[in-house]
Protein backbone atom coordinates (compact mmCIF):
# COMPACT_ATOMS: atom_id res chain seq x y z
CA MET A 1 -0.24 15.62 6.63
CA TRP A 2 -3.63 15.51 4.77
CA VAL A 3 -1.61 14.73 1.40
CA TRP A 4 -0.18 11.57 3.21
CA ILE A 5 -3.71 10.37 4.49
CA ALA A 6 -5.15 10.72 1.02
CA GLU A 7 -2.56 8.91 -0.55
CA VAL A 8 -2.92 5.99 1.91
CA TYR A 9 -6.64 5.79 1.45
CA ILE A 10 -6.16 5.57 -2.44
CA VAL A 11 -3.56 3.05 -2.28
CA GLY A 12 -5.71 0.99 0.07
CA ALA A 13 -8.77 1.73 -2.30
CA VAL A 14 -6.94 0.55 -5.27
CA ILE A 15 -5.72 -2.59 -3.35
CA GLY A 16 -9.32 -3.34 -2.43
CA LEU A 17 -10.56 -3.16 -6.09
CA PHE A 18 -7.99 -5.61 -7.11
CA ALA A 19 -7.38 -7.94 -4.03
CA THR A 20 -10.80 -8.70 -2.92
CA ASP A 21 -12.88 -11.59 -4.08
CA GLY A 22 -16.43 -10.57 -5.26
CA GLY A 23 -18.53 -8.87 -7.76
CA PRO A 24 -17.88 -5.42 -9.04
CA TRP A 25 -20.18 -3.86 -6.56
CA THR A 26 -18.56 -5.54 -3.70
CA ARG A 27 -15.07 -4.56 -4.61
CA ILE A 28 -16.17 -0.89 -4.91
CA GLY A 29 -18.02 -0.92 -1.73
CA LEU A 30 -15.04 -2.69 0.15
CA ALA A 31 -12.59 -0.16 -1.51
CA LEU A 32 -14.59 2.85 -0.33
CA ALA A 33 -15.37 1.60 3.36
CA TRP A 34 -12.00 0.04 4.21
CA PRO A 35 -11.13 2.95 6.55
CA LEU A 36 -14.06 2.01 9.07
CA GLY A 37 -12.06 -0.92 10.38
CA PRO A 38 -9.40 1.20 12.19
CA LEU A 39 -12.10 3.73 12.87
CA ALA A 40 -13.98 0.87 14.80
CA PHE A 41 -11.11 -0.12 16.54
CA VAL A 42 -10.46 3.26 17.80
CA PHE A 43 -14.20 3.41 19.07
CA THR A 44 -13.77 0.04 20.64
CA VAL A 45 -10.99 0.78 22.52
CA ALA A 46 -12.28 3.92 23.78
CA GLY A 47 -15.55 2.19 24.92
CA LEU A 48 -13.52 -0.52 26.84
CA ILE A 49 -11.49 2.11 28.48
CA VAL A 50 -14.76 3.95 29.89
CA ALA A 51 -16.17 0.55 30.89
CA ALA A 52 -12.98 -0.09 32.69
CA ALA A 53 -13.05 3.34 34.43
CA ILE A 54 -16.69 2.52 35.58
CA ALA A 55 -16.05 -0.98 36.59
CA PHE A 56 -12.60 -0.25 38.25
CA PRO A 57 -12.93 3.00 40.31
CA LEU A 58 -9.18 3.23 41.07
CA PHE A 59 -8.44 2.97 37.46
CA GLY A 60 -11.01 5.53 36.83
CA ILE A 61 -9.45 7.88 39.29
CA LEU A 62 -5.95 7.10 37.83
CA LEU A 63 -7.53 8.07 34.15
CA ALA A 64 -9.11 11.12 35.25
CA VAL A 65 -5.69 12.30 36.77
CA VAL A 66 -3.89 11.57 33.55
CA LEU A 67 -6.30 13.18 31.56
CA GLY A 68 -6.48 15.99 33.76
CA GLY A 69 -2.71 16.24 33.83
CA ALA A 70 -2.46 16.03 30.13
CA TRP A 71 -5.07 18.72 29.55
CA TRP A 72 -3.45 21.09 32.06
CA ALA A 73 0.06 20.63 30.08
CA LEU A 74 -1.68 21.20 26.69
CA ARG A 75 -3.36 24.00 27.95
CA ASN A 76 -0.28 25.85 29.49
CA LEU A 77 2.00 25.43 26.44
């Protein structure tokens, strides 16, 4: 699996080097930093879920039950 992730990263970095508009340092910076976009998406969605769990207690209870059930199921495999 790590080989596949490395291949995707390398392909994205190569595309970033040639497809972006800017100077050489801009191209290198964008090519190296492109995985931060999906990571930022994951953190944003996680933060919104936590905020929704606090703002809407019924959603928070449901979320706690689902996470507890998933933890219990994975623990008992």
